[in-house]
C-alpha cells in the first residue's frame, strides 16, 4: 500500500497519475514529431518544384 492514497477506506493507486503524465508526454512528443515531418515534407516539396524559402525572412 506504499503506492496508494487511502481516504475513508477508498484507496486509489498513485501510479495512475504517472501513467497519465507519461501518456501526455508521449502525445506531446508525437505531435511535435508529426509537425516536424509535415514541415519537412512541405519544404522538400517546395524545393522540388523550384520554390525557394529564404530562411532570413522566416524570423
PDB file of N, CA and C in Angstrom:
ATOM      1  N   UNK A   1       0.817  -1.196   0.000  1.00  0.00           N
ATOM      2  CA  UNK A   1       0.000   0.000   0.000  1.00  0.00           C
ATOM      3  C   UNK A   1       0.860   1.260   0.000  1.00  0.00           C
ATOM      4  N   UNK A   2       2.142   1.114  -0.282  1.00  0.00           N
ATOM      5  CA  UNK A   2       3.015   2.286  -0.273  1.00  0.00           C
ATOM      6  C   UNK A   2       2.693   3.221  -1.430  1.00  0.00           C
ATOM      7  N   UNK A   3       2.199   2.667  -2.537  1.00  0.00           N
ATOM      8  CA  UNK A   3       1.885   3.480  -3.701  1.00  0.00           C
ATOM      9  C   UNK A   3       0.390   3.720  -3.832  1.00  0.00           C
ATOM     10  N   UNK A   4      -0.277   3.926  -2.724  1.00  0.00           N
ATOM     11  CA  UNK A   4      -1.724   4.132  -2.759  1.00  0.00           C
ATOM     12  C   UNK A   4      -2.101   5.289  -1.850  1.00  0.00           C
ATOM     13  N   UNK A   5      -3.124   5.997  -2.269  1.00  0.00           N
ATOM     14  CA  UNK A   5      -3.684   7.073  -1.467  1.00  0.00           C
ATOM     15  C   UNK A   5      -5.005   6.564  -0.912  1.00  0.00           C
ATOM     16  N   UNK A   6      -5.152   6.536   0.397  1.00  0.00           N
ATOM     17  CA  UNK A   6      -6.356   5.999   1.025  1.00  0.00           C
ATOM     18  C   UNK A   6      -7.054   7.086   1.830  1.00  0.00           C
ATOM     19  N   UNK A   7      -8.376   7.164   1.684  1.00  0.00           N
ATOM     20  CA  UNK A   7      -9.193   8.104   2.445  1.00  0.00           C
ATOM     21  C   UNK A   7     -10.566   7.478   2.645  1.00  0.00           C
ATOM     22  N   UNK A   8     -10.965   7.322   3.884  1.00  0.00           N
ATOM     23  CA  UNK A   8     -12.267   6.726   4.217  1.00  0.00           C
ATOM     24  C   UNK A   8     -12.466   5.374   3.541  1.00  0.00           C
ATOM     25  N   UNK A   9     -11.478   4.524   3.660  1.00  0.00           N
ATOM     26  CA  UNK A   9     -11.491   3.155   3.110  1.00  0.00           C
ATOM     27  C   UNK A   9     -11.545   3.100   1.585  1.00  0.00           C
ATOM     28  N   UNK A  10     -11.320   4.200   0.932  1.00  0.00           N
ATOM     29  CA  UNK A  10     -11.261   4.215  -0.524  1.00  0.00           C
ATOM     30  C   UNK A  10      -9.808   4.432  -0.909  1.00  0.00           C
ATOM     31  N   UNK A  11      -9.220   3.453  -1.583  1.00  0.00           N
ATOM     32  CA  UNK A  11      -7.805   3.529  -1.940  1.00  0.00           C
ATOM     33  C   UNK A  11      -7.668   3.662  -3.456  1.00  0.00           C
ATOM     34  N   UNK A  12      -6.797   4.552  -3.844  1.00  0.00           N
ATOM     35  CA  UNK A  12      -6.556   4.778  -5.259  1.00  0.00           C
ATOM     36  C   UNK A  12      -5.058   4.717  -5.498  1.00  0.00           C
ATOM     37  N   UNK A  13      -4.670   4.019  -6.524  1.00  0.00           N
ATOM     38  CA  UNK A  13      -3.253   3.876  -6.833  1.00  0.00           C
ATOM     39  C   UNK A  13      -2.685   5.202  -7.316  1.00  0.00           C
ATOM     40  N   UNK A  14      -1.501   5.511  -6.861  1.00  0.00           N
ATOM     41  CA  UNK A  14      -0.846   6.741  -7.316  1.00  0.00           C
ATOM     42  C   UNK A  14      -0.173   6.549  -8.664  1.00  0.00           C
ATOM     43  N   UNK A  15      -0.065   5.329  -9.132  1.00  0.00           N
ATOM     44  CA  UNK A  15       0.575   5.079 -10.420  1.00  0.00           C
ATOM     45  C   UNK A  15      -0.307   5.507 -11.590  1.00  0.00           C
ATOM     46  N   UNK A  16      -1.601   5.672 -11.371  1.00  0.00           N
ATOM     47  CA  UNK A  16      -2.471   6.125 -12.456  1.00  0.00           C
ATOM     48  C   UNK A  16      -2.058   7.514 -12.924  1.00  0.00           C
ATOM     49  N   UNK A  17      -1.673   8.370 -12.007  1.00  0.00           N
ATOM     50  CA  UNK A  17      -1.233   9.702 -12.380  1.00  0.00           C
ATOM     51  C   UNK A  17       0.062   9.641 -13.170  1.00  0.00           C
ATOM     52  N   UNK A  18       0.957   8.750 -12.784  1.00  0.00           N
ATOM     53  CA  UNK A  18       2.209   8.623 -13.508  1.00  0.00           C
ATOM     54  C   UNK A  18       1.965   8.133 -14.934  1.00  0.00           C
ATOM     55  N   UNK A  19       1.052   7.197 -15.111  1.00  0.00           N
ATOM     56  CA  UNK A  19       0.736   6.710 -16.449  1.00  0.00           C
ATOM     57  C   UNK A  19       0.107   7.815 -17.282  1.00  0.00           C
ATOM     58  N   UNK A  20      -0.740   8.624 -16.655  1.00  0.00           N
ATOM     59  CA  UNK A  20      -1.384   9.715 -17.368  1.00  0.00           C
ATOM     60  C   UNK A  20      -0.352  10.751 -17.803  1.00  0.00           C
ATOM     61  N   UNK A  21       0.572  11.085 -16.927  1.00  0.00           N
ATOM     62  CA  UNK A  21       1.619  12.032 -17.280  1.00  0.00           C
ATOM     63  C   UNK A  21       2.502  11.471 -18.384  1.00  0.00           C
ATOM     64  N   UNK A  22       2.789  10.184 -18.316  1.00  0.00           N
ATOM     65  CA  UNK A  22       3.605   9.547 -19.337  1.00  0.00           C
ATOM     66  C   UNK A  22       2.904   9.602 -20.692  1.00  0.00           C
ATOM     67  N   UNK A  23       1.602   9.364 -20.697  1.00  0.00           N
ATOM     68  CA  UNK A  23       0.840   9.401 -21.942  1.00  0.00           C
ATOM     69  C   UNK A  23       0.797  10.821 -22.505  1.00  0.00           C
ATOM     70  N   UNK A  24       0.647  11.812 -21.628  1.00  0.00           N
ATOM     71  CA  UNK A  24       0.634  13.197 -22.086  1.00  0.00           C
ATOM     72  C   UNK A  24       1.962  13.579 -22.725  1.00  0.00           C
ATOM     73  N   UNK A  25       3.059  13.130 -22.140  1.00  0.00           N
ATOM     74  CA  UNK A  25       4.371  13.421 -22.709  1.00  0.00           C
ATOM     75  C   UNK A  25       4.536  12.755 -24.065  1.00  0.00           C
ATOM     76  N   UNK A  26       4.056  11.513 -24.180  1.00  0.00           N
ATOM     77  CA  UNK A  26       4.168  10.805 -25.457  1.00  0.00           C
ATOM     78  C   UNK A  26       3.339  11.495 -26.532  1.00  0.00           C
ATOM     79  N   UNK A  27       2.156  11.974 -26.174  1.00  0.00           N
ATOM     80  CA  UNK A  27       1.305  12.675 -27.137  1.00  0.00           C
ATOM     81  C   UNK A  27       1.953  13.982 -27.564  1.00  0.00           C
ATOM     82  N   UNK A  28       2.540  14.698 -26.624  1.00  0.00           N
ATOM     83  CA  UNK A  28       3.198  15.962 -26.932  1.00  0.00           C
ATOM     84  C   UNK A  28       4.396  15.745 -27.847  1.00  0.00           C
ATOM     85  N   UNK A  29       5.225  14.766 -27.532  1.00  0.00           N
ATOM     86  CA  UNK A  29       6.398  14.477 -28.359  1.00  0.00           C
ATOM     87  C   UNK A  29       5.967  13.977 -29.735  1.00  0.00           C
ATOM     88  N   UNK A  30       4.946  13.128 -29.780  1.00  0.00           N
ATOM     89  CA  UNK A  30       4.445  12.627 -31.061  1.00  0.00           C
ATOM     90  C   UNK A  30       3.885  13.737 -31.932  1.00  0.00           C
ATOM     91  N   UNK A  31       3.168  14.662 -31.327  1.00  0.00           N
ATOM     92  CA  UNK A  31       2.629  15.796 -32.076  1.00  0.00           C
ATOM     93  C   UNK A  31       3.734  16.679 -32.622  1.00  0.00           C
ATOM     94  N   UNK A  32       4.761  16.895 -31.814  1.00  0.00           N
ATOM     95  CA  UNK A  32       5.901  17.699 -32.252  1.00  0.00           C
ATOM     96  C   UNK A  32       6.618  17.017 -33.417  1.00  0.00           C
ATOM     97  N   UNK A  33       6.831  15.702 -33.311  1.00  0.00           N
ATOM     98  CA  UNK A  33       7.494  14.978 -34.394  1.00  0.00           C
ATOM     99  C   UNK A  33       6.650  14.983 -35.667  1.00  0.00           C
ATOM    100  N   UNK A  34       5.346  14.850 -35.513  1.00  0.00           N
ATOM    101  CA  UNK A  34       4.458  14.895 -36.675  1.00  0.00           C
ATOM    102  C   UNK A  34       4.520  16.261 -37.350  1.00  0.00           C
ATOM    103  N   UNK A  35       4.562  17.322 -36.547  1.00  0.00           N
ATOM    104  CA  UNK A  35       4.693  18.671 -37.093  1.00  0.00           C
ATOM    105  C   UNK A  35       5.998  18.821 -37.866  1.00  0.00           C
ATOM    106  N   UNK A  36       7.092  18.309 -37.305  1.00  0.00           N
ATOM    107  CA  UNK A  36       8.385  18.414 -37.987  1.00  0.00           C
ATOM    108  C   UNK A  36       8.401  17.632 -39.299  1.00  0.00           C
ATOM    109  N   UNK A  37       7.792  16.464 -39.300  1.00  0.00           N
ATOM    110  CA  UNK A  37       7.731  15.664 -40.531  1.00  0.00           C
ATOM    111  C   UNK A  37       6.900  16.390 -41.588  1.00  0.00           C
ATOM    112  N   UNK A  38       5.772  16.969 -41.186  1.00  0.00           N
ATOM    113  CA  UNK A  38       4.926  17.698 -42.131  1.00  0.00           C
ATOM    114  C   UNK A  38       5.656  18.929 -42.670  1.00  0.00           C
ATOM    115  N   UNK A  39       6.338  19.650 -41.805  1.00  0.00           N
ATOM    116  CA  UNK A  39       7.084  20.833 -42.241  1.00  0.00           C
ATOM    117  C   UNK A  39       8.202  20.448 -43.206  1.00  0.00           C
ATOM    118  N   UNK A  40       8.895  19.360 -42.910  1.00  0.00           N
ATOM    119  CA  UNK A  40       9.955  18.884 -43.797  1.00  0.00           C
ATOM    120  C   UNK A  40       9.388  18.486 -45.154  1.00  0.00           C
ATOM    121  N   UNK A  41       8.248  17.811 -45.151  1.00  0.00           N
ATOM    122  CA  UNK A  41       7.625  17.403 -46.416  1.00  0.00           C
ATOM    123  C   UNK A  41       7.222  18.621 -47.240  1.00  0.00           C
ATOM    124  N   UNK A  42       6.685  19.643 -46.587  1.00  0.00           N
ATOM    125  CA  UNK A  42       6.279  20.857 -47.307  1.00  0.00           C
ATOM    126  C   UNK A  42       7.499  21.561 -47.897  1.00  0.00           C
ATOM    127  N   UNK A  43       8.559  21.680 -47.116  1.00  0.00           N
ATOM    128  CA  UNK A  43       9.776  22.344 -47.605  1.00  0.00           C
ATOM    129  C   UNK A  43      10.405  21.553 -48.745  1.00  0.00           C
ATOM    130  N   UNK A  44      10.483  20.239 -48.613  1.00  0.00           N
ATOM    131  CA  UNK A  44      11.074  19.433 -49.687  1.00  0.00           C
ATOM    132  C   UNK A  44      10.215  19.463 -50.948  1.00  0.00           C
ATOM    133  N   UNK A  45       8.900  19.473 -50.791  1.00  0.00           N
ATOM    134  CA  UNK A  45       8.025  19.568 -51.962  1.00  0.00           C
ATOM    135  C   UNK A  45       8.213  20.918 -52.644  1.00  0.00           C
ATOM    136  N   UNK A  46       8.298  21.958 -51.838  1.00  0.00           N
ATOM    137  CA  UNK A  46       8.528  23.286 -52.414  1.00  0.00           C
ATOM    138  C   UNK A  46       9.860  23.364 -53.128  1.00  0.00           C
ATOM    139  N   UNK A  47      10.892  22.751 -52.566  1.00  0.00           N
ATOM    140  CA  UNK A  47      12.208  22.757 -53.207  1.00  0.00           C
ATOM    141  C   UNK A  47      12.189  21.951 -54.499  1.00  0.00           C
ATOM    142  N   UNK A  48      11.402  20.896 -54.536  1.00  0.00           N
ATOM    143  CA  UNK A  48      11.378  20.056 -55.740  1.00  0.00           C
ATOM    144  C   UNK A  48      10.675  20.742 -56.904  1.00  0.00           C
ATOM    145  N   UNK A  49       9.754  21.658 -56.622  1.00  0.00           N
ATOM    146  CA  UNK A  49       9.075  22.362 -57.718  1.00  0.00           C
ATOM    147  C   UNK A  49       9.687  23.740 -57.961  1.00  0.00           C
ATOM    148  N   UNK A  50      10.781  24.048 -57.250  1.00  0.00           N
ATOM    149  CA  UNK A  50      11.511  25.276 -57.521  1.00  0.00           C
ATOM    150  C   UNK A  50      11.146  26.459 -56.651  1.00  0.00           C
ATOM    151  N   UNK A  51      10.416  26.262 -55.585  1.00  0.00           N
ATOM    152  CA  UNK A  51      10.087  27.353 -54.676  1.00  0.00           C
ATOM    153  C   UNK A  51      11.180  27.417 -53.622  1.00  0.00           C
ATOM    154  N   UNK A  52      11.799  28.587 -53.503  1.00  0.00           N
ATOM    155  CA  UNK A  52      12.870  28.743 -52.520  1.00  0.00           C
ATOM    156  C   UNK A  52      12.370  29.608 -51.372  1.00  0.00           C
ATOM    157  N   UNK A  53      12.526  29.117 -50.145  1.00  0.00           N
ATOM    158  CA  UNK A  53      12.133  29.869 -48.959  1.00  0.00           C
ATOM    159  C   UNK A  53      13.410  30.385 -48.313  1.00  0.00           C
ATOM    160  N   UNK A  54      13.556  31.702 -48.266  1.00  0.00           N
ATOM    161  CA  UNK A  54      14.740  32.299 -47.654  1.00  0.00           C
ATOM    162  C   UNK A  54      14.601  32.233 -46.141  1.00  0.00           C
ATOM    163  N   UNK A  55      15.509  31.547 -45.458  1.00  0.00           N
ATOM    164  CA  UNK A  55      15.385  31.394 -44.003  1.00  0.00           C
ATOM    165  C   UNK A  55      15.417  32.714 -43.235  1.00  0.00           C
ATOM    166  N   UNK A  56      16.043  33.745 -43.793  1.00  0.00           N
ATOM    167  CA  UNK A  56      16.108  35.024 -43.075  1.00  0.00           C
ATOM    168  C   UNK A  56      14.757  35.723 -43.033  1.00  0.00           C
ATOM    169  N   UNK A  57      13.882  35.417 -43.971  1.00  0.00           N
ATOM    170  CA  UNK A  57      12.557  36.049 -43.955  1.00  0.00           C
ATOM    171  C   UNK A  57      11.615  35.369 -42.970  1.00  0.00           C
ATOM    172  N   UNK A  58      11.967  34.177 -42.495  1.00  0.00           N
ATOM    173  CA  UNK A  58      11.101  33.464 -41.560  1.00  0.00           C
ATOM    174  C   UNK A  58      11.201  34.013 -40.147  1.00  0.00           C
ATOM    175  N   UNK A  59      12.290  34.677 -39.818  1.00  0.00           N
ATOM    176  CA  UNK A  59      12.452  35.163 -38.438  1.00  0.00           C
ATOM    177  C   UNK A  59      12.042  36.601 -38.261  1.00  0.00           C
TER     178      UNK A  59
END
